[in-house]
Amino acid sequence: MTEPSNTGTTGILLINLGSPDSPSVPDVRKYLREFLMDGRVIDAPLPIRFVIVHGFILPTRPQQSAKAYQTVWTKEGSPLVAMGRRVRDLLQERVEAPVEICMRYQNPTPRSALESLRKRGVTRVILVPLFPHYAMSSFESAVEKVREDLKAFEPVVPMSVVPPCFADPSYLDALAETARPHVAEEFDHLLVTFHGLPERHLRKSDPTHAHCLASADCCAGSHPSHATCYRHQCLVTAAGIAGRLGIPASKYSMSFQSRLGRDPWLRPFTDHEVVRLPKEGKKRMVVMSPAFVADCLETIEEIGDRARHDFLGAGGTDFRLVPCLNDHPRWIDTLEKLVRAAG
């Protein structure tokens, strides 16, 4: 990567999903409205999406979600946003290029981060979506949002995008290092849980429109559709972690969490697995969530609290939650490697 000390023009923009500005019901409602009205999240025509969000979700979900956010909120605010700023600062220590962080939804916004980079003399952007796996509702939405906001700049700022790092050896090494202390003691099973997706999202993202979910082994081997296949990429990540830790295929599995609505979503479901596994004698379980690079509501509350409660209630005796990559030095190494390669 040519450092900006020589060119004075290249900047790095990290982007993650986002968070409410506070755990209050109004702020949570505002966040959920922006998030769920994204046509890449609920991919229904606008009138139908409006009715779903405003008629069925927003009347009750903000109150429920606000209670959950209150359990994870810190003195620095949202754990996701606070960790994003921490990672930004650590990466800034490694590179001379100006580094900013933004969120796809709510604050800090892509527009404000781009304005900050422009004030720092940036005329070219390297965008780093903090989503290791491709999905239209996360990676694609974030990239398109930044592209849209860049159109407001005169002259237009060129941008390159760091691709999903699901199979990057440095990313997999970092994940293995975070998990290693938790598998050092005897355990029965490693559950690798990823954020869920509706099955139709995979089919929509399939450039061949004929491969994804068309057969039981569609994610095996090599196929052009795998470049945008979330499930295939999750399988690669899970196998990469297990391989580095020496965990046999019989001792780990993959699941999907955080589904919404009644349409078919990727299976198996995490909330079902944490109840099923202890009944099969797997009472000491290690759980990790590689789709999230920073701990957030979905890892702290959904897995750390609810899934733990359900697992222990179903007969489990030991539930070990592996922290996300957060500010682990190996993850900062990975980000540095990725942005230098993109430069």
Protein backbone atom coordinates (compact mmCIF):
# COMPACT_ATOMS: atom_id res chain seq x y z
CA MET A 1 0.00 0.00 0.00
CA THR A 2 1.33 3.45 -0.88
CA GLU A 3 1.17 5.37 2.35
CA PRO A 4 -0.63 8.73 2.40
CA SER A 5 2.57 10.29 3.69
CA ASN A 6 3.70 10.02 0.08
CA THR A 7 0.42 10.72 -1.71
CA GLY A 8 -1.56 12.62 0.89
CA THR A 9 -4.79 11.30 -0.63
CA THR A 10 -5.76 7.80 0.56
CA GLY A 11 -8.06 7.31 3.54
CA ILE A 12 -9.49 4.22 5.24
CA LEU A 13 -13.14 3.95 6.21
CA LEU A 14 -14.30 1.13 8.48
CA ILE A 15 -18.04 0.43 8.50
CA ASN A 16 -20.13 -1.78 10.76
CA LEU A 17 -23.87 -2.30 11.11
CA GLY A 18 -24.80 0.22 13.77
CA SER A 19 -26.63 0.75 17.03
CA PRO A 20 -29.21 3.03 18.63
CA ASP A 21 -27.82 6.27 20.05
CA SER A 22 -29.11 5.21 23.45
CA PRO A 23 -31.11 2.29 24.91
CA SER A 24 -34.21 4.49 25.20
CA VAL A 25 -37.36 3.34 23.40
CA PRO A 26 -37.44 6.38 21.01
CA ASP A 27 -33.80 5.87 19.97
CA VAL A 28 -34.27 2.13 19.55
CA ARG A 29 -37.39 2.76 17.46
CA LYS A 30 -35.46 5.22 15.27
CA TYR A 31 -32.68 2.69 14.75
CA LEU A 32 -35.03 -0.18 13.98
CA ARG A 33 -37.00 1.96 11.53
CA GLU A 34 -33.89 2.84 9.53
CA PHE A 35 -32.53 -0.70 9.68
CA LEU A 36 -35.72 -2.56 8.78
CA MET A 37 -36.80 -0.11 6.08
CA ASP A 38 -33.60 -0.94 4.17
CA GLY A 39 -34.76 -2.81 1.06
CA ARG A 40 -31.78 -5.16 1.35
CA VAL A 41 -32.83 -6.20 4.87
CA ILE A 42 -36.55 -6.69 4.35
CA ASP A 43 -36.50 -7.17 0.60
CA ALA A 44 -40.18 -6.60 -0.08
CA PRO A 45 -41.64 -3.82 -2.24
CA LEU A 46 -41.70 -0.49 -0.41
CA PRO A 47 -45.47 -0.43 0.36
CA ILE A 48 -45.36 -3.96 1.80
CA ARG A 49 -42.14 -3.24 3.69
CA PHE A 50 -43.72 -0.11 5.17
CA VAL A 51 -46.74 -2.05 6.43
CA ILE A 52 -44.56 -4.83 7.90
CA VAL A 53 -42.26 -2.43 9.71
CA HIS A 54 -44.73 0.21 10.85
CA GLY A 55 -47.75 -2.02 11.32
CA PHE A 56 -46.29 -5.18 12.84
CA ILE A 57 -42.77 -4.54 14.17
CA LEU A 58 -42.44 -0.98 15.45
CA PRO A 59 -45.54 -1.01 17.67
CA THR A 60 -43.97 -3.56 20.05
CA ARG A 61 -40.36 -4.43 19.14
CA PRO A 62 -38.71 -1.16 20.31
CA GLN A 63 -39.90 -1.72 23.88
CA GLN A 64 -38.56 -5.28 23.89
CA SER A 65 -35.27 -4.36 22.24
CA ALA A 66 -34.73 -1.35 24.51
CA LYS A 67 -34.78 -3.65 27.55
CA ALA A 68 -32.17 -5.87 25.89
CA TYR A 69 -29.96 -2.90 24.96
CA GLN A 70 -30.11 -1.64 28.54
CA THR A 71 -28.43 -4.87 29.67
CA VAL A 72 -25.41 -4.39 27.36
CA TRP A 73 -25.00 -0.59 27.44
CA THR A 74 -21.73 0.70 28.85
CA LYS A 75 -20.48 4.04 30.15
CA GLU A 76 -18.92 4.53 26.69
CA GLY A 77 -22.31 3.86 25.09
CA SER A 78 -23.06 1.11 22.61
CA PRO A 79 -20.45 -1.66 22.91
CA LEU A 80 -20.40 -2.02 19.12
CA VAL A 81 -19.74 1.67 18.47
CA ALA A 82 -17.29 2.03 21.35
CA MET A 83 -15.27 -0.94 20.12
CA GLY A 84 -15.38 0.46 16.58
CA ARG A 85 -13.70 3.63 17.80
CA ARG A 86 -11.13 1.58 19.70
CA VAL A 87 -10.30 -0.49 16.61
CA ARG A 88 -10.11 2.68 14.49
CA ASP A 89 -7.55 4.16 16.88
CA LEU A 90 -5.47 0.98 17.01
CA LEU A 91 -5.41 0.70 13.22
CA GLN A 92 -4.49 4.38 12.97
CA GLU A 93 -1.37 3.60 15.01
CA ARG A 94 -0.34 1.07 12.34
CA VAL A 95 -0.87 3.10 9.15
CA GLU A 96 -0.26 6.68 8.08
CA ALA A 97 -3.49 6.83 6.11
CA PRO A 98 -6.30 8.69 7.92
CA VAL A 99 -8.75 6.17 9.43
CA GLU A 100 -12.41 6.76 10.27
CA ILE A 101 -15.24 4.54 11.53
CA CYS A 102 -18.92 4.75 10.61
CA MET A 103 -22.11 2.74 10.93
CA ARG A 104 -24.53 1.70 8.21
CA TYR A 105 -27.42 2.78 10.43
CA GLN A 106 -27.48 5.73 12.83
CA ASN A 107 -24.26 7.28 14.15
CA PRO A 108 -21.52 7.95 13.26
CA THR A 109 -22.93 8.15 9.74
CA PRO A 110 -20.99 7.37 6.55
CA ARG A 111 -21.54 10.97 5.41
CA SER A 112 -19.96 12.42 8.58
CA ALA A 113 -16.99 10.03 8.34
CA LEU A 114 -16.46 10.87 4.67
CA GLU A 115 -16.59 14.57 5.48
CA SER A 116 -13.97 14.03 8.16
CA LEU A 117 -11.72 12.18 5.71
CA ARG A 118 -12.14 14.95 3.15
CA LYS A 119 -11.12 17.57 5.71
CA ARG A 120 -7.99 15.48 6.27
CA GLY A 121 -7.09 15.78 2.59
CA VAL A 122 -8.37 12.40 1.42
CA THR A 123 -9.23 12.07 -2.27
CA ARG A 124 -9.45 8.26 -2.42
CA VAL A 125 -11.15 5.87 0.01
CA ILE A 126 -10.44 2.27 0.96
CA LEU A 127 -13.69 0.93 2.40
CA VAL A 128 -13.44 -1.92 4.91
CA PRO A 129 -16.86 -3.46 5.61
CA LEU A 130 -16.56 -5.16 8.99
CA PHE A 131 -18.59 -8.13 7.77
CA PRO A 132 -16.37 -11.17 7.11
CA HIS A 133 -19.10 -12.88 5.02
CA TYR A 134 -21.03 -11.58 2.04
CA ALA A 135 -24.72 -10.87 2.54
CA MET A 136 -26.97 -8.42 0.72
CA SER A 137 -28.36 -7.23 4.07
CA SER A 138 -24.96 -6.37 5.57
CA PHE A 139 -21.90 -6.25 3.30
CA GLU A 140 -23.75 -5.20 0.15
CA SER A 141 -25.98 -2.69 1.93
CA ALA A 142 -23.00 -1.03 3.63
CA VAL A 143 -21.02 -0.74 0.40
CA GLU A 144 -23.94 0.70 -1.55
CA LYS A 145 -24.72 3.21 1.21
CA VAL A 146 -21.17 4.58 1.11
CA ARG A 147 -21.22 4.69 -2.69
CA GLU A 148 -24.47 6.63 -2.56
CA ASP A 149 -23.08 9.14 -0.07
CA LEU A 150 -19.91 9.58 -2.12
CA LYS A 151 -22.02 10.85 -5.03
CA ALA A 152 -22.60 14.05 -3.09
CA PHE A 153 -18.89 14.87 -3.17
CA GLU A 154 -17.39 17.12 -5.84
CA PRO A 155 -15.18 15.92 -7.31
CA VAL A 156 -16.42 12.35 -6.88
CA VAL A 157 -14.08 10.39 -4.62
CA PRO A 158 -12.96 7.01 -6.01
CA MET A 159 -13.35 4.05 -3.70
CA SER A 160 -11.98 0.53 -3.49
CA VAL A 161 -13.66 -2.11 -1.33
CA VAL A 162 -11.93 -4.74 0.76
CA PRO A 163 -13.74 -8.04 -0.01
CA PRO A 164 -15.12 -10.42 2.64
CA CYS A 165 -12.28 -12.02 4.60
CA PHE A 166 -14.10 -15.27 5.54
CA ALA A 167 -11.25 -17.45 4.25
CA ASP A 168 -8.33 -15.13 4.90
CA PRO A 169 -5.67 -17.05 6.88
CA SER A 170 -4.97 -14.04 9.10
CA TYR A 171 -8.67 -13.69 10.02
CA LEU A 172 -8.97 -17.41 10.72
CA ASP A 173 -5.78 -17.37 12.78
CA ALA A 174 -7.17 -14.49 14.85
CA LEU A 175 -10.42 -16.37 15.49
CA ALA A 176 -8.52 -19.49 16.51
CA GLU A 177 -6.41 -17.48 18.95
CA THR A 178 -9.50 -16.02 20.64
CA ALA A 179 -11.01 -19.50 21.00
CA ARG A 180 -7.86 -21.37 22.06
CA PRO A 181 -8.05 -20.61 25.82
CA HIS A 182 -11.70 -21.74 25.86
CA VAL A 183 -10.98 -25.12 24.27
CA ALA A 184 -7.85 -25.74 26.32
CA GLU A 185 -9.95 -27.47 28.98
CA GLU A 186 -12.08 -30.50 28.18
CA PHE A 187 -15.30 -29.74 26.31
CA ASP A 188 -17.93 -31.75 24.47
CA HIS A 189 -18.82 -29.53 21.52
CA LEU A 190 -17.94 -26.31 19.72
CA LEU A 191 -20.96 -24.46 18.33
CA VAL A 192 -20.10 -21.85 15.71
CA THR A 193 -23.10 -19.55 15.39
CA PHE A 194 -23.61 -17.02 12.61
CA HIS A 195 -26.24 -14.36 12.07
CA GLY A 196 -29.18 -15.87 10.21
CA LEU A 197 -30.45 -14.97 6.76
CA PRO A 198 -33.67 -15.70 4.87
CA GLU A 199 -33.07 -18.42 2.30
CA ARG A 200 -34.35 -16.12 -0.44
CA HIS A 201 -31.42 -13.76 0.20
CA LEU A 202 -29.02 -16.50 -0.85
CA ARG A 203 -31.00 -17.18 -3.99
CA LYS A 204 -31.13 -13.47 -4.84
CA SER A 205 -27.36 -13.14 -4.35
CA ASP A 206 -26.61 -16.16 -6.55
CA PRO A 207 -25.34 -14.77 -9.88
CA THR A 208 -26.27 -18.03 -11.63
CA HIS A 209 -29.82 -18.01 -10.18
CA ALA A 210 -29.66 -21.80 -10.18
CA HIS A 211 -27.08 -23.04 -7.66
CA CYS A 212 -27.68 -21.79 -4.11
CA LEU A 213 -29.88 -24.13 -2.05
CA ALA A 214 -30.66 -26.19 -5.17
CA SER A 215 -29.07 -29.31 -3.67
CA ALA A 216 -27.93 -30.61 -0.32
CA ASP A 217 -24.24 -30.21 -1.22
CA CYS A 218 -24.48 -26.87 -3.06
CA CYS A 219 -21.97 -25.26 -0.68
CA ALA A 220 -19.31 -27.94 -1.22
CA GLY A 221 -16.45 -27.69 -3.68
CA SER A 222 -15.93 -24.62 -5.83
CA HIS A 223 -18.58 -22.69 -7.73
CA PRO A 224 -18.91 -19.08 -9.02
CA SER A 225 -21.91 -18.51 -6.74
CA HIS A 226 -19.75 -19.02 -3.66
CA ALA A 227 -18.30 -15.53 -4.02
CA THR A 228 -21.66 -14.22 -2.79
CA CYS A 229 -22.94 -17.28 -0.91
CA TYR A 230 -23.23 -16.51 2.79
CA ARG A 231 -23.77 -20.13 3.83
CA HIS A 232 -20.74 -21.41 1.91
CA GLN A 233 -18.58 -18.70 3.43
CA CYS A 234 -19.78 -19.52 6.94
CA LEU A 235 -18.95 -23.19 6.37
CA VAL A 236 -15.44 -22.23 5.24
CA THR A 237 -14.92 -20.10 8.34
CA ALA A 238 -16.19 -22.76 10.75
CA ALA A 239 -13.98 -25.42 9.15
CA GLY A 240 -10.99 -23.07 9.20
CA ILE A 241 -11.40 -22.45 12.92
CA ALA A 242 -11.85 -26.13 13.74
CA GLY A 243 -8.86 -27.11 11.62
CA ARG A 244 -6.58 -24.64 13.36
CA LEU A 245 -7.73 -25.85 16.77
CA GLY A 246 -7.50 -29.53 15.87
CA ILE A 247 -11.21 -30.12 16.50
CA PRO A 248 -12.64 -33.06 14.53
CA ALA A 249 -15.80 -32.69 12.45
CA SER A 250 -17.74 -34.79 14.96
CA LYS A 251 -17.05 -32.28 17.73
CA TYR A 252 -18.21 -29.01 16.15
CA SER A 253 -21.22 -27.74 14.23
CA MET A 254 -22.63 -24.56 12.74
CA SER A 255 -25.92 -22.77 13.41
CA PHE A 256 -27.73 -19.51 12.64
CA GLN A 257 -29.22 -17.01 15.07
CA SER A 258 -31.38 -13.86 15.09
CA ARG A 259 -34.11 -14.77 12.61
CA LEU A 260 -37.12 -12.53 12.00
CA GLY A 261 -40.52 -13.37 10.54
CA ARG A 262 -41.99 -16.62 9.26
CA ASP A 263 -40.20 -17.06 5.94
CA PRO A 264 -37.66 -19.93 5.66
CA TRP A 265 -34.31 -18.99 7.18
CA LEU A 266 -31.00 -20.81 7.16
CA ARG A 267 -30.90 -23.81 9.49
CA PRO A 268 -30.16 -25.15 12.01
CA PHE A 269 -31.34 -22.45 14.40
CA THR A 270 -29.02 -21.58 17.26
CA ASP A 271 -31.82 -21.34 19.83
CA HIS A 272 -32.88 -24.88 18.90
CA GLU A 273 -29.33 -26.26 18.96
CA VAL A 274 -28.51 -25.01 22.46
CA VAL A 275 -31.48 -27.02 23.74
CA ARG A 276 -30.87 -30.11 21.59
CA LEU A 277 -27.14 -30.58 22.14
CA PRO A 278 -27.16 -31.12 25.94
CA LYS A 279 -29.91 -33.70 25.53
CA GLU A 280 -27.46 -35.61 23.31
CA GLY A 281 -24.88 -35.63 26.08
CA LYS A 282 -22.95 -32.53 24.94
CA LYS A 283 -23.13 -30.77 28.26
CA ARG A 284 -19.87 -28.77 28.10
CA MET A 285 -20.09 -26.39 25.17
CA VAL A 286 -17.91 -23.68 23.69
CA VAL A 287 -19.74 -21.10 21.57
CA MET A 288 -18.34 -18.48 19.20
CA SER A 289 -19.86 -16.00 16.73
CA PRO A 290 -17.38 -15.29 13.90
CA ALA A 291 -19.81 -13.22 11.81
CA PHE A 292 -19.55 -10.47 14.43
CA VAL A 293 -16.12 -8.84 14.72
CA ALA A 294 -17.16 -6.91 17.84
CA ASP A 295 -19.30 -7.96 20.76
CA CYS A 296 -22.78 -6.48 20.55
CA LEU A 297 -26.39 -7.16 21.47
CA GLU A 298 -26.44 -10.38 19.41
CA THR A 299 -23.43 -11.86 21.18
CA ILE A 300 -23.67 -10.43 24.69
CA GLU A 301 -27.43 -10.66 25.28
CA GLU A 302 -28.73 -13.15 22.72
CA ILE A 303 -25.95 -15.72 23.12
CA GLY A 304 -24.25 -14.81 26.40
CA ASP A 305 -27.50 -14.47 28.33
CA ARG A 306 -30.46 -16.13 26.56
CA ALA A 307 -28.67 -19.01 24.85
CA ARG A 308 -26.67 -19.72 28.02
CA HIS A 309 -29.90 -19.79 30.06
CA ASP A 310 -31.58 -22.16 27.59
CA PHE A 311 -28.53 -24.45 27.40
CA LEU A 312 -28.22 -24.78 31.16
CA GLY A 313 -31.97 -25.22 31.48
CA ALA A 314 -31.82 -28.12 29.01
CA GLY A 315 -29.24 -29.97 31.10
CA GLY A 316 -25.98 -28.36 30.03
CA THR A 317 -23.37 -27.82 32.74
CA ASP A 318 -20.67 -25.60 31.19
CA PHE A 319 -21.29 -22.82 28.65
CA ARG A 320 -18.14 -20.99 27.49
CA LEU A 321 -18.70 -17.97 25.25
CA VAL A 322 -15.69 -16.94 23.18
CA PRO A 323 -15.42 -13.14 22.89
CA CYS A 324 -15.54 -11.63 19.43
CA LEU A 325 -12.33 -10.42 17.83
CA ASN A 326 -12.91 -6.94 19.31
CA ASP A 327 -9.49 -5.26 19.66
CA HIS A 328 -7.43 -8.48 19.72
CA PRO A 329 -3.94 -7.74 18.33
CA ARG A 330 -4.29 -10.50 15.73
CA TRP A 331 -7.46 -8.83 14.41
CA ILE A 332 -5.69 -5.47 14.14
CA ASP A 333 -2.92 -7.33 12.28
CA THR A 334 -5.56 -8.67 9.91
CA LEU A 335 -7.07 -5.24 9.25
CA GLU A 336 -3.65 -3.77 8.60
CA LYS A 337 -2.88 -6.57 6.15
CA LEU A 338 -6.19 -6.11 4.35
CA VAL A 339 -5.89 -2.35 3.88
CA ARG A 340 -2.28 -2.57 2.77
CA ALA A 341 -3.24 -5.18 0.17
CA ALA A 342 -6.06 -2.90 -1.02
CA GLY A 343 -3.75 0.06 -1.45
